């Protein structure tokens, strides 16, 4: 079973903010029947759930979401479907995810370095 931890600090709040952005910004796309809206809602709920549940795999999920966003930006840029406003917004999301990942990874490293005491 996945051990639960209490994430704190910048990584936690940036992850919650990005999850909220994924969900809230998908609403207009959902009204326009954009297929990416469902994907964005799924990613937002996944990120929110991982952070709220305190999963030890949260840094890995944040890293995977970061890589997915970089892939989406690259494919949009290659396909020519990229406006300057989308570029700035997506780059800010990627930067927020990278900062969150670095903070969560640092927290996970500190948790693993703590000596575990056994109680009888």
PDB file of N, CA and C in Angstrom:
ATOM      1  N   UNK A   1       0.835  -1.179   0.000  1.00  0.00           N
ATOM      2  CA  UNK A   1       0.000   0.000   0.000  1.00  0.00           C
ATOM      3  C   UNK A   1       0.877   1.238   0.000  1.00  0.00           C
ATOM      4  N   UNK A   2       0.439   2.255  -0.639  1.00  0.00           N
ATOM      5  CA  UNK A   2       1.176   3.498  -0.741  1.00  0.00           C
ATOM      6  C   UNK A   2       1.121   4.234   0.592  1.00  0.00           C
ATOM      7  N   UNK A   3       2.284   4.546   1.144  1.00  0.00           N
ATOM      8  CA  UNK A   3       2.356   5.254   2.410  1.00  0.00           C
ATOM      9  C   UNK A   3       1.905   6.698   2.224  1.00  0.00           C
ATOM     10  N   UNK A   4       1.154   7.212   3.190  1.00  0.00           N
ATOM     11  CA  UNK A   4       0.661   8.583   3.108  1.00  0.00           C
ATOM     12  C   UNK A   4       1.581   9.519   3.868  1.00  0.00           C
ATOM     13  N   UNK A   5       1.756  10.697   3.299  1.00  0.00           N
ATOM     14  CA  UNK A   5       2.582  11.725   3.934  1.00  0.00           C
ATOM     15  C   UNK A   5       1.810  13.036   3.899  1.00  0.00           C
ATOM     16  N   UNK A   6       2.301  14.002   4.621  1.00  0.00           N
ATOM     17  CA  UNK A   6       1.686  15.329   4.590  1.00  0.00           C
ATOM     18  C   UNK A   6       2.627  16.248   3.836  1.00  0.00           C
ATOM     19  N   UNK A   7       2.257  16.545   2.595  1.00  0.00           N
ATOM     20  CA  UNK A   7       3.051  17.472   1.796  1.00  0.00           C
ATOM     21  C   UNK A   7       2.786  18.878   2.300  1.00  0.00           C
ATOM     22  N   UNK A   8       3.788  19.728   2.240  1.00  0.00           N
ATOM     23  CA  UNK A   8       3.633  21.100   2.704  1.00  0.00           C
ATOM     24  C   UNK A   8       4.496  22.012   1.846  1.00  0.00           C
ATOM     25  N   UNK A   9       4.316  23.290   2.038  1.00  0.00           N
ATOM     26  CA  UNK A   9       5.171  24.254   1.375  1.00  0.00           C
ATOM     27  C   UNK A   9       4.751  24.616  -0.041  1.00  0.00           C
ATOM     28  N   UNK A  10       5.700  25.151  -0.772  1.00  0.00           N
ATOM     29  CA  UNK A  10       5.468  25.683  -2.107  1.00  0.00           C
ATOM     30  C   UNK A  10       4.972  24.624  -3.081  1.00  0.00           C
ATOM     31  N   UNK A  11       5.563  23.450  -3.036  1.00  0.00           N
ATOM     32  CA  UNK A  11       5.176  22.389  -3.963  1.00  0.00           C
ATOM     33  C   UNK A  11       3.715  21.995  -3.840  1.00  0.00           C
ATOM     34  N   UNK A  12       3.254  21.923  -2.620  1.00  0.00           N
ATOM     35  CA  UNK A  12       1.852  21.562  -2.384  1.00  0.00           C
ATOM     36  C   UNK A  12       0.911  22.613  -2.954  1.00  0.00           C
ATOM     37  N   UNK A  13       1.169  23.878  -2.630  1.00  0.00           N
ATOM     38  CA  UNK A  13       0.254  24.938  -3.053  1.00  0.00           C
ATOM     39  C   UNK A  13       0.327  25.202  -4.547  1.00  0.00           C
ATOM     40  N   UNK A  14       1.501  25.089  -5.136  1.00  0.00           N
ATOM     41  CA  UNK A  14       1.586  25.226  -6.596  1.00  0.00           C
ATOM     42  C   UNK A  14       0.850  24.090  -7.295  1.00  0.00           C
ATOM     43  N   UNK A  15       0.934  22.889  -6.737  1.00  0.00           N
ATOM     44  CA  UNK A  15       0.212  21.760  -7.325  1.00  0.00           C
ATOM     45  C   UNK A  15      -1.298  21.980  -7.253  1.00  0.00           C
ATOM     46  N   UNK A  16      -1.778  22.460  -6.114  1.00  0.00           N
ATOM     47  CA  UNK A  16      -3.208  22.751  -5.997  1.00  0.00           C
ATOM     48  C   UNK A  16      -3.630  23.858  -6.963  1.00  0.00           C
ATOM     49  N   UNK A  17      -2.787  24.876  -7.116  1.00  0.00           N
ATOM     50  CA  UNK A  17      -3.109  25.976  -8.027  1.00  0.00           C
ATOM     51  C   UNK A  17      -3.160  25.498  -9.475  1.00  0.00           C
ATOM     52  N   UNK A  18      -2.208  24.670  -9.872  1.00  0.00           N
ATOM     53  CA  UNK A  18      -2.205  24.146 -11.245  1.00  0.00           C
ATOM     54  C   UNK A  18      -3.409  23.228 -11.460  1.00  0.00           C
ATOM     55  N   UNK A  19      -3.746  22.422 -10.468  1.00  0.00           N
ATOM     56  CA  UNK A  19      -4.924  21.556 -10.587  1.00  0.00           C
ATOM     57  C   UNK A  19      -6.186  22.395 -10.771  1.00  0.00           C
ATOM     58  N   UNK A  20      -6.299  23.465  -9.998  1.00  0.00           N
ATOM     59  CA  UNK A  20      -7.463  24.347 -10.135  1.00  0.00           C
ATOM     60  C   UNK A  20      -7.485  25.014 -11.507  1.00  0.00           C
ATOM     61  N   UNK A  21      -6.320  25.420 -12.009  1.00  0.00           N
ATOM     62  CA  UNK A  21      -6.257  26.009 -13.350  1.00  0.00           C
ATOM     63  C   UNK A  21      -6.686  25.015 -14.422  1.00  0.00           C
ATOM     64  N   UNK A  22      -6.212  23.781 -14.309  1.00  0.00           N
ATOM     65  CA  UNK A  22      -6.620  22.752 -15.270  1.00  0.00           C
ATOM     66  C   UNK A  22      -8.137  22.612 -15.310  1.00  0.00           C
ATOM     67  N   UNK A  23      -8.745  22.560 -14.132  1.00  0.00           N
ATOM     68  CA  UNK A  23     -10.190  22.331 -14.056  1.00  0.00           C
ATOM     69  C   UNK A  23     -10.972  23.565 -14.494  1.00  0.00           C
ATOM     70  N   UNK A  24     -10.629  24.720 -13.952  1.00  0.00           N
ATOM     71  CA  UNK A  24     -11.402  25.933 -14.250  1.00  0.00           C
ATOM     72  C   UNK A  24     -11.252  26.390 -15.696  1.00  0.00           C
ATOM     73  N   UNK A  25     -10.063  26.289 -16.249  1.00  0.00           N
ATOM     74  CA  UNK A  25      -9.872  26.727 -17.624  1.00  0.00           C
ATOM     75  C   UNK A  25     -10.415  25.735 -18.648  1.00  0.00           C
ATOM     76  N   UNK A  26     -10.786  24.543 -18.194  1.00  0.00           N
ATOM     77  CA  UNK A  26     -11.380  23.568 -19.104  1.00  0.00           C
ATOM     78  C   UNK A  26     -12.875  23.799 -19.291  1.00  0.00           C
ATOM     79  N   UNK A  27     -13.492  24.583 -18.421  1.00  0.00           N
ATOM     80  CA  UNK A  27     -14.941  24.791 -18.506  1.00  0.00           C
ATOM     81  C   UNK A  27     -15.363  25.451 -19.817  1.00  0.00           C
ATOM     82  N   UNK A  28     -14.709  26.536 -20.261  1.00  0.00           N
ATOM     83  CA  UNK A  28     -15.117  27.103 -21.554  1.00  0.00           C
ATOM     84  C   UNK A  28     -14.860  26.149 -22.725  1.00  0.00           C
ATOM     85  N   UNK A  29     -13.775  25.387 -22.646  1.00  0.00           N
ATOM     86  CA  UNK A  29     -13.493  24.414 -23.700  1.00  0.00           C
ATOM     87  C   UNK A  29     -14.528  23.304 -23.714  1.00  0.00           C
ATOM     88  N   UNK A  30     -14.997  22.923 -22.527  1.00  0.00           N
ATOM     89  CA  UNK A  30     -16.021  21.890 -22.430  1.00  0.00           C
ATOM     90  C   UNK A  30     -17.327  22.366 -23.066  1.00  0.00           C
ATOM     91  N   UNK A  31     -17.641  23.643 -22.881  1.00  0.00           N
ATOM     92  CA  UNK A  31     -18.854  24.203 -23.479  1.00  0.00           C
ATOM     93  C   UNK A  31     -18.759  24.249 -25.004  1.00  0.00           C
ATOM     94  N   UNK A  32     -17.538  24.333 -25.527  1.00  0.00           N
ATOM     95  CA  UNK A  32     -17.328  24.358 -26.978  1.00  0.00           C
ATOM     96  C   UNK A  32     -17.071  22.973 -27.560  1.00  0.00           C
ATOM     97  N   UNK A  33     -17.284  21.931 -26.791  1.00  0.00           N
ATOM     98  CA  UNK A  33     -17.067  20.542 -27.208  1.00  0.00           C
ATOM     99  C   UNK A  33     -15.639  20.269 -27.662  1.00  0.00           C
ATOM    100  N   UNK A  34     -14.687  20.883 -26.985  1.00  0.00           N
ATOM    101  CA  UNK A  34     -13.276  20.630 -27.267  1.00  0.00           C
ATOM    102  C   UNK A  34     -12.870  19.338 -26.559  1.00  0.00           C
ATOM    103  N   UNK A  35     -12.301  18.369 -27.287  1.00  0.00           N
ATOM    104  CA  UNK A  35     -11.933  17.109 -26.646  1.00  0.00           C
ATOM    105  C   UNK A  35     -10.846  17.247 -25.578  1.00  0.00           C
ATOM    106  N   UNK A  36     -10.052  18.295 -25.650  1.00  0.00           N
ATOM    107  CA  UNK A  36      -8.991  18.482 -24.656  1.00  0.00           C
ATOM    108  C   UNK A  36      -9.548  18.861 -23.293  1.00  0.00           C
ATOM    109  N   UNK A  37     -10.786  19.334 -23.239  1.00  0.00           N
ATOM    110  CA  UNK A  37     -11.369  19.758 -21.966  1.00  0.00           C
ATOM    111  C   UNK A  37     -11.477  18.592 -20.981  1.00  0.00           C
ATOM    112  N   UNK A  38     -11.934  17.473 -21.454  1.00  0.00           N
ATOM    113  CA  UNK A  38     -12.040  16.301 -20.586  1.00  0.00           C
ATOM    114  C   UNK A  38     -10.679  15.848 -20.075  1.00  0.00           C
ATOM    115  N   UNK A  39      -9.691  15.917 -20.937  1.00  0.00           N
ATOM    116  CA  UNK A  39      -8.329  15.557 -20.561  1.00  0.00           C
ATOM    117  C   UNK A  39      -7.800  16.509 -19.489  1.00  0.00           C
ATOM    118  N   UNK A  40      -8.057  17.813 -19.655  1.00  0.00           N
ATOM    119  CA  UNK A  40      -7.599  18.789 -18.667  1.00  0.00           C
ATOM    120  C   UNK A  40      -8.294  18.595 -17.322  1.00  0.00           C
ATOM    121  N   UNK A  41      -9.571  18.296 -17.346  1.00  0.00           N
ATOM    122  CA  UNK A  41     -10.297  18.039 -16.102  1.00  0.00           C
ATOM    123  C   UNK A  41      -9.739  16.799 -15.415  1.00  0.00           C
ATOM    124  N   UNK A  42      -9.484  15.753 -16.191  1.00  0.00           N
ATOM    125  CA  UNK A  42      -8.899  14.537 -15.629  1.00  0.00           C
ATOM    126  C   UNK A  42      -7.540  14.820 -14.981  1.00  0.00           C
ATOM    127  N   UNK A  43      -6.677  15.558 -15.677  1.00  0.00           N
ATOM    128  CA  UNK A  43      -5.351  15.869 -15.135  1.00  0.00           C
ATOM    129  C   UNK A  43      -5.457  16.716 -13.868  1.00  0.00           C
ATOM    130  N   UNK A  44      -6.377  17.681 -13.863  1.00  0.00           N
ATOM    131  CA  UNK A  44      -6.568  18.503 -12.674  1.00  0.00           C
ATOM    132  C   UNK A  44      -7.047  17.695 -11.485  1.00  0.00           C
ATOM    133  N   UNK A  45      -8.018  16.818 -11.709  1.00  0.00           N
ATOM    134  CA  UNK A  45      -8.522  15.991 -10.611  1.00  0.00           C
ATOM    135  C   UNK A  45      -7.471  14.990 -10.133  1.00  0.00           C
ATOM    136  N   UNK A  46      -6.685  14.463 -11.062  1.00  0.00           N
ATOM    137  CA  UNK A  46      -5.608  13.535 -10.690  1.00  0.00           C
ATOM    138  C   UNK A  46      -4.582  14.237  -9.804  1.00  0.00           C
ATOM    139  N   UNK A  47      -4.153  15.407 -10.220  1.00  0.00           N
ATOM    140  CA  UNK A  47      -3.163  16.147  -9.444  1.00  0.00           C
ATOM    141  C   UNK A  47      -3.723  16.556  -8.082  1.00  0.00           C
ATOM    142  N   UNK A  48      -4.965  17.036  -8.062  1.00  0.00           N
ATOM    143  CA  UNK A  48      -5.583  17.412  -6.800  1.00  0.00           C
ATOM    144  C   UNK A  48      -5.700  16.199  -5.873  1.00  0.00           C
ATOM    145  N   UNK A  49      -6.134  15.066  -6.403  1.00  0.00           N
ATOM    146  CA  UNK A  49      -6.303  13.864  -5.590  1.00  0.00           C
ATOM    147  C   UNK A  49      -5.005  13.340  -5.017  1.00  0.00           C
ATOM    148  N   UNK A  50      -3.954  13.347  -5.816  1.00  0.00           N
ATOM    149  CA  UNK A  50      -2.660  12.856  -5.350  1.00  0.00           C
ATOM    150  C   UNK A  50      -2.127  13.729  -4.220  1.00  0.00           C
ATOM    151  N   UNK A  51      -2.285  15.037  -4.373  1.00  0.00           N
ATOM    152  CA  UNK A  51      -1.780  15.940  -3.332  1.00  0.00           C
ATOM    153  C   UNK A  51      -2.648  15.878  -2.071  1.00  0.00           C
ATOM    154  N   UNK A  52      -3.965  15.875  -2.241  1.00  0.00           N
ATOM    155  CA  UNK A  52      -4.867  15.870  -1.084  1.00  0.00           C
ATOM    156  C   UNK A  52      -4.780  14.562  -0.309  1.00  0.00           C
ATOM    157  N   UNK A  53      -4.572  13.459  -1.012  1.00  0.00           N
ATOM    158  CA  UNK A  53      -4.489  12.161  -0.345  1.00  0.00           C
ATOM    159  C   UNK A  53      -3.148  11.955   0.348  1.00  0.00           C
ATOM    160  N   UNK A  54      -2.150  12.747  -0.005  1.00  0.00           N
ATOM    161  CA  UNK A  54      -0.836  12.604   0.619  1.00  0.00           C
ATOM    162  C   UNK A  54      -0.056  11.418   0.106  1.00  0.00           C
ATOM    163  N   UNK A  55      -0.196  11.115  -1.165  1.00  0.00           N
ATOM    164  CA  UNK A  55       0.506   9.976  -1.740  1.00  0.00           C
ATOM    165  C   UNK A  55       1.998  10.259  -1.821  1.00  0.00           C
ATOM    166  N   UNK A  56       2.807   9.250  -1.515  1.00  0.00           N
ATOM    167  CA  UNK A  56       4.262   9.387  -1.633  1.00  0.00           C
ATOM    168  C   UNK A  56       4.685   9.464  -3.091  1.00  0.00           C
ATOM    169  N   UNK A  57       3.803   9.123  -4.005  1.00  0.00           N
ATOM    170  CA  UNK A  57       4.115   9.170  -5.430  1.00  0.00           C
ATOM    171  C   UNK A  57       3.802  10.537  -6.055  1.00  0.00           C
ATOM    172  N   UNK A  58       3.451  11.512  -5.249  1.00  0.00           N
ATOM    173  CA  UNK A  58       3.100  12.835  -5.766  1.00  0.00           C
ATOM    174  C   UNK A  58       4.218  13.470  -6.593  1.00  0.00           C
ATOM    175  N   UNK A  59       5.500  13.395  -6.179  1.00  0.00           N
ATOM    176  CA  UNK A  59       6.532  13.976  -7.028  1.00  0.00           C
ATOM    177  C   UNK A  59       6.589  13.332  -8.413  1.00  0.00           C
ATOM    178  N   UNK A  60       6.369  12.031  -8.477  1.00  0.00           N
ATOM    179  CA  UNK A  60       6.381  11.339  -9.764  1.00  0.00           C
ATOM    180  C   UNK A  60       5.212  11.782 -10.637  1.00  0.00           C
ATOM    181  N   UNK A  61       4.035  11.932 -10.049  1.00  0.00           N
ATOM    182  CA  UNK A  61       2.869  12.382 -10.806  1.00  0.00           C
ATOM    183  C   UNK A  61       3.077  13.799 -11.323  1.00  0.00           C
ATOM    184  N   UNK A  62       3.649  14.667 -10.488  1.00  0.00           N
ATOM    185  CA  UNK A  62       3.917  16.044 -10.925  1.00  0.00           C
ATOM    186  C   UNK A  62       4.933  16.041 -12.065  1.00  0.00           C
ATOM    187  N   UNK A  63       5.945  15.187 -11.992  1.00  0.00           N
ATOM    188  CA  UNK A  63       6.933  15.095 -13.073  1.00  0.00           C
ATOM    189  C   UNK A  63       6.286  14.614 -14.365  1.00  0.00           C
ATOM    190  N   UNK A  64       5.435  13.615 -14.284  1.00  0.00           N
ATOM    191  CA  UNK A  64       4.749  13.103 -15.476  1.00  0.00           C
ATOM    192  C   UNK A  64       3.847  14.186 -16.080  1.00  0.00           C
ATOM    193  N   UNK A  65       3.126  14.928 -15.246  1.00  0.00           N
ATOM    194  CA  UNK A  65       2.295  16.021 -15.759  1.00  0.00           C
ATOM    195  C   UNK A  65       3.144  17.109 -16.410  1.00  0.00           C
ATOM    196  N   UNK A  66       4.306  17.380 -15.846  1.00  0.00           N
ATOM    197  CA  UNK A  66       5.210  18.358 -16.450  1.00  0.00           C
ATOM    198  C   UNK A  66       5.640  17.903 -17.832  1.00  0.00           C
ATOM    199  N   UNK A  67       6.024  16.648 -17.945  1.00  0.00           N
ATOM    200  CA  UNK A  67       6.449  16.119 -19.244  1.00  0.00           C
ATOM    201  C   UNK A  67       5.298  16.103 -20.247  1.00  0.00           C
ATOM    202  N   UNK A  68       4.089  15.796 -19.782  1.00  0.00           N
ATOM    203  CA  UNK A  68       2.926  15.843 -20.677  1.00  0.00           C
ATOM    204  C   UNK A  68       2.659  17.258 -21.173  1.00  0.00           C
ATOM    205  N   UNK A  69       2.804  18.239 -20.291  1.00  0.00           N
ATOM    206  CA  UNK A  69       2.599  19.630 -20.710  1.00  0.00           C
ATOM    207  C   UNK A  69       3.661  20.071 -21.710  1.00  0.00           C
ATOM    208  N   UNK A  70       4.908  19.659 -21.501  1.00  0.00           N
ATOM    209  CA  UNK A  70       5.965  19.989 -22.463  1.00  0.00           C
ATOM    210  C   UNK A  70       5.660  19.344 -23.812  1.00  0.00           C
ATOM    211  N   UNK A  71       5.180  18.103 -23.795  1.00  0.00           N
ATOM    212  CA  UNK A  71       4.808  17.427 -25.041  1.00  0.00           C
ATOM    213  C   UNK A  71       3.651  18.145 -25.735  1.00  0.00           C
ATOM    214  N   UNK A  72       2.658  18.561 -24.968  1.00  0.00           N
ATOM    215  CA  UNK A  72       1.517  19.287 -25.551  1.00  0.00           C
ATOM    216  C   UNK A  72       1.951  20.621 -26.153  1.00  0.00           C
ATOM    217  N   UNK A  73       2.836  21.337 -25.465  1.00  0.00           N
ATOM    218  CA  UNK A  73       3.334  22.608 -25.984  1.00  0.00           C
ATOM    219  C   UNK A  73       4.106  22.382 -27.276  1.00  0.00           C
ATOM    220  N   UNK A  74       4.951  21.371 -27.276  1.00  0.00           N
ATOM    221  CA  UNK A  74       5.755  21.079 -28.468  1.00  0.00           C
ATOM    222  C   UNK A  74       4.874  20.712 -29.649  1.00  0.00           C
ATOM    223  N   UNK A  75       3.888  19.850 -29.427  1.00  0.00           N
ATOM    224  CA  UNK A  75       2.999  19.446 -30.523  1.00  0.00           C
ATOM    225  C   UNK A  75       2.149  20.604 -31.018  1.00  0.00           C
ATOM    226  N   UNK A  76       1.717  21.465 -30.117  1.00  0.00           N
ATOM    227  CA  UNK A  76       0.951  22.647 -30.536  1.00  0.00           C
ATOM    228  C   UNK A  76       1.811  23.602 -31.349  1.00  0.00           C
ATOM    229  N   UNK A  77       3.047  23.756 -30.940  1.00  0.00           N
ATOM    230  CA  UNK A  77       3.962  24.650 -31.652  1.00  0.00           C
ATOM    231  C   UNK A  77       4.270  24.103 -33.043  1.00  0.00           C
ATOM    232  N   UNK A  78       4.505  22.807 -33.129  1.00  0.00           N
ATOM    233  CA  UNK A  78       4.800  22.180 -34.430  1.00  0.00           C
ATOM    234  C   UNK A  78       3.585  22.245 -35.338  1.00  0.00           C
ATOM    235  N   UNK A  79       2.401  22.038 -34.784  1.00  0.00           N
ATOM    236  CA  UNK A  79       1.172  22.050 -35.569  1.00  0.00           C
ATOM    237  C   UNK A  79       0.700  23.437 -35.952  1.00  0.00           C
ATOM    238  N   UNK A  80       1.296  24.463 -35.403  1.00  0.00           N
ATOM    239  CA  UNK A  80       0.926  25.831 -35.733  1.00  0.00           C
ATOM    240  C   UNK A  80      -0.343  26.314 -35.057  1.00  0.00           C
ATOM    241  N   UNK A  81      -0.788  25.620 -34.000  1.00  0.00           N
ATOM    242  CA  UNK A  81      -2.015  25.992 -33.284  1.00  0.00           C
ATOM    243  C   UNK A  81      -1.674  26.685 -31.970  1.00  0.00           C
ATOM    244  N   UNK A  82      -0.765  27.630 -32.017  1.00  0.00           N
ATOM    245  CA  UNK A  82      -0.245  28.205 -30.784  1.00  0.00           C
ATOM    246  C   UNK A  82      -0.342  29.720 -30.847  1.00  0.00           C
ATOM    247  N   UNK A  83      -1.155  30.299 -29.997  1.00  0.00           N
ATOM    248  CA  UNK A  83      -1.235  31.752 -29.925  1.00  0.00           C
ATOM    249  C   UNK A  83      -0.273  32.246 -28.845  1.00  0.00           C
ATOM    250  N   UNK A  84       0.114  33.517 -28.896  1.00  0.00           N
ATOM    251  CA  UNK A  84       1.039  34.036 -27.873  1.00  0.00           C
ATOM    252  C   UNK A  84       0.490  33.950 -26.447  1.00  0.00           C
ATOM    253  N   UNK A  85      -0.812  34.138 -26.297  1.00  0.00           N
ATOM    254  CA  UNK A  85      -1.406  34.038 -24.956  1.00  0.00           C
ATOM    255  C   UNK A  85      -1.324  32.604 -24.444  1.00  0.00           C
ATOM    256  N   UNK A  86      -1.618  31.637 -25.313  1.00  0.00           N
ATOM    257  CA  UNK A  86      -1.485  30.229 -24.924  1.00  0.00           C
ATOM    258  C   UNK A  86      -0.043  29.887 -24.579  1.00  0.00           C
ATOM    259  N   UNK A  87       0.881  30.440 -25.340  1.00  0.00           N
ATOM    260  CA  UNK A  87       2.300  30.161 -25.087  1.00  0.00           C
ATOM    261  C   UNK A  87       2.701  30.619 -23.698  1.00  0.00           C
ATOM    262  N   UNK A  88       2.353  31.843 -23.344  1.00  0.00           N
ATOM    263  CA  UNK A  88       2.717  32.377 -22.034  1.00  0.00           C
ATOM    264  C   UNK A  88       2.038  31.579 -20.925  1.00  0.00           C
ATOM    265  N   UNK A  89       0.762  31.300 -21.069  1.00  0.00           N
ATOM    266  CA  UNK A  89       0.028  30.561 -20.033  1.00  0.00           C
ATOM    267  C   UNK A  89       0.596  29.151 -19.850  1.00  0.00           C
ATOM    268  N   UNK A  90       0.874  28.469 -20.952  1.00  0.00           N
ATOM    269  CA  UNK A  90       1.399  27.107 -20.847  1.00  0.00           C
ATOM    270  C   UNK A  90       2.810  27.071 -20.292  1.00  0.00           C
ATOM    271  N   UNK A  91       3.625  28.031 -20.653  1.00  0.00           N
ATOM    272  CA  UNK A  91       4.978  28.079 -20.103  1.00  0.00           C
ATOM    273  C   UNK A  91       4.930  28.372 -18.605  1.00  0.00           C
ATOM    274  N   UNK A  92       4.038  29.246 -18.166  1.00  0.00           N
ATOM    275  CA  UNK A  92       3.894  29.511 -16.727  1.00  0.00           C
ATOM    276  C   UNK A  92       3.445  28.262 -15.973  1.00  0.00           C
ATOM    277  N   UNK A  93       2.540  27.490 -16.567  1.00  0.00           N
ATOM    278  CA  UNK A  93       2.100  26.238 -15.936  1.00  0.00           C
ATOM    279  C   UNK A  93       3.266  25.260 -15.828  1.00  0.00           C
ATOM    280  N   UNK A  94       4.061  25.155 -16.887  1.00  0.00           N
ATOM    281  CA  UNK A  94       5.216  24.252 -16.850  1.00  0.00           C
ATOM    282  C   UNK A  94       6.221  24.708 -15.796  1.00  0.00           C
ATOM    283  N   UNK A  95       6.472  25.995 -15.711  1.00  0.00           N
ATOM    284  CA  UNK A  95       7.397  26.509 -14.695  1.00  0.00           C
ATOM    285  C   UNK A  95       6.863  26.211 -13.298  1.00  0.00           C
ATOM    286  N   UNK A  96       5.571  26.428 -13.074  1.00  0.00           N
ATOM    287  CA  UNK A  96       4.969  26.127 -11.766  1.00  0.00           C
ATOM    288  C   UNK A  96       5.088  24.640 -11.437  1.00  0.00           C
ATOM    289  N   UNK A  97       4.859  23.780 -12.433  1.00  0.00           N
ATOM    290  CA  UNK A  97       4.979  22.338 -12.202  1.00  0.00           C
ATOM    291  C   UNK A  97       6.422  21.939 -11.909  1.00  0.00           C
ATOM    292  N   UNK A  98       7.378  22.546 -12.593  1.00  0.00           N
ATOM    293  CA  UNK A  98       8.785  22.223 -12.333  1.00  0.00           C
ATOM    294  C   UNK A  98       9.183  22.651 -10.926  1.00  0.00           C
ATOM    295  N   UNK A  99       8.767  23.845 -10.516  1.00  0.00           N
ATOM    296  CA  UNK A  99       9.078  24.315  -9.157  1.00  0.00           C
ATOM    297  C   UNK A  99       8.405  23.412  -8.124  1.00  0.00           C
ATOM    298  N   UNK A 100       7.157  23.023  -8.373  1.00  0.00           N
ATOM    299  CA  UNK A 100       6.456  22.121  -7.452  1.00  0.00           C
ATOM    300  C   UNK A 100       7.170  20.774  -7.372  1.00  0.00           C
ATOM    301  N   UNK A 101       7.591  20.254  -8.525  1.00  0.00           N
ATOM    302  CA  UNK A 101       8.286  18.969  -8.540  1.00  0.00           C
ATOM    303  C   UNK A 101       9.597  19.050  -7.762  1.00  0.00           C
ATOM    304  N   UNK A 102      10.362  20.114  -7.963  1.00  0.00           N
ATOM    305  CA  UNK A 102      11.624  20.251  -7.241  1.00  0.00           C
ATOM    306  C   UNK A 102      11.393  20.320  -5.734  1.00  0.00           C
ATOM    307  N   UNK A 103      10.368  21.056  -5.308  1.00  0.00           N
ATOM    308  CA  UNK A 103      10.075  21.172  -3.881  1.00  0.00           C
ATOM    309  C   UNK A 103       9.599  19.835  -3.306  1.00  0.00           C
ATOM    310  N   UNK A 104       8.723  19.150  -4.011  1.00  0.00           N
ATOM    311  CA  UNK A 104       8.220  17.862  -3.517  1.00  0.00           C
ATOM    312  C   UNK A 104       9.329  16.812  -3.497  1.00  0.00           C
ATOM    313  N   UNK A 105      10.208  16.856  -4.494  1.00  0.00           N
ATOM    314  CA  UNK A 105      11.324  15.912  -4.521  1.00  0.00           C
ATOM    315  C   UNK A 105      12.255  16.160  -3.343  1.00  0.00           C
ATOM    316  N   UNK A 106      12.487  17.443  -3.029  1.00  0.00           N
ATOM    317  CA  UNK A 106      13.327  17.781  -1.880  1.00  0.00           C
ATOM    318  C   UNK A 106      12.684  17.278  -0.590  1.00  0.00           C
ATOM    319  N   UNK A 107      11.368  17.460  -0.461  1.00  0.00           N
ATOM    320  CA  UNK A 107      10.670  16.974   0.734  1.00  0.00           C
ATOM    321  C   UNK A 107      10.758  15.449   0.838  1.00  0.00           C
ATOM    322  N   UNK A 108      10.595  14.766  -0.295  1.00  0.00           N
ATOM    323  CA  UNK A 108      10.661  13.301  -0.294  1.00  0.00           C
ATOM    324  C   UNK A 108      12.057  12.822   0.091  1.00  0.00           C
ATOM    325  N   UNK A 109      13.083  13.521  -0.381  1.00  0.00           N
ATOM    326  CA  UNK A 109      14.453  13.162  -0.031  1.00  0.00           C
ATOM    327  C   UNK A 109      14.691  13.339   1.460  1.00  0.00           C
ATOM    328  N   UNK A 110      14.192  14.436   2.018  1.00  0.00           N
ATOM    329  CA  UNK A 110      14.349  14.665   3.453  1.00  0.00           C
ATOM    330  C   UNK A 110      13.600  13.621   4.267  1.00  0.00           C
ATOM    331  N   UNK A 111      12.432  13.188   3.771  1.00  0.00           N
ATOM    332  CA  UNK A 111      11.678  12.151   4.490  1.00  0.00           C
ATOM    333  C   UNK A 111      12.421  10.825   4.490  1.00  0.00           C
ATOM    334  N   UNK A 112      13.078  10.516   3.371  1.00  0.00           N
ATOM    335  CA  UNK A 112      13.799   9.248   3.267  1.00  0.00           C
ATOM    336  C   UNK A 112      15.083   9.250   4.084  1.00  0.00           C
ATOM    337  N   UNK A 113      15.645  10.428   4.350  1.00  0.00           N
ATOM    338  CA  UNK A 113      16.885  10.514   5.112  1.00  0.00           C
ATOM    339  C   UNK A 113      16.660  10.442   6.612  1.00  0.00           C
ATOM    340  N   UNK A 114      15.458  10.711   7.072  1.00  0.00           N
ATOM    341  CA  UNK A 114      15.179  10.673   8.510  1.00  0.00           C
ATOM    342  C   UNK A 114      15.372   9.242   9.010  1.00  0.00           C
ATOM    343  N   UNK A 115      16.067   9.090  10.133  1.00  0.00           N
ATOM    344  CA  UNK A 115      16.196   7.744  10.682  1.00  0.00           C
ATOM    345  C   UNK A 115      14.861   7.276  11.243  1.00  0.00           C
ATOM    346  N   UNK A 116      14.527   6.081  10.906  1.00  0.00           N
ATOM    347  CA  UNK A 116      13.261   5.512  11.405  1.00  0.00           C
ATOM    348  C   UNK A 116      13.517   4.835  12.740  1.00  0.00           C
ATOM    349  N   UNK A 117      12.685   5.141  13.696  1.00  0.00           N
ATOM    350  CA  UNK A 117      12.816   4.511  15.012  1.00  0.00           C
ATOM    351  C   UNK A 117      11.738   3.445  15.137  1.00  0.00           C
ATOM    352  N   UNK A 118      12.144   2.352  15.728  1.00  0.00           N
ATOM    353  CA  UNK A 118      11.202   1.263  15.930  1.00  0.00           C
ATOM    354  C   UNK A 118      10.653   1.331  17.347  1.00  0.00           C
ATOM    355  N   UNK A 119       9.359   1.138  17.432  1.00  0.00           N
ATOM    356  CA  UNK A 119       8.724   1.108  18.742  1.00  0.00           C
ATOM    357  C   UNK A 119       8.294  -0.310  19.037  1.00  0.00           C
ATOM    358  N   UNK A 120       8.433  -0.710  20.263  1.00  0.00           N
ATOM    359  CA  UNK A 120       8.060  -2.071  20.628  1.00  0.00           C
ATOM    360  C   UNK A 120       6.687  -2.116  21.198  1.00  0.00           C
TER     361      UNK A 120
END
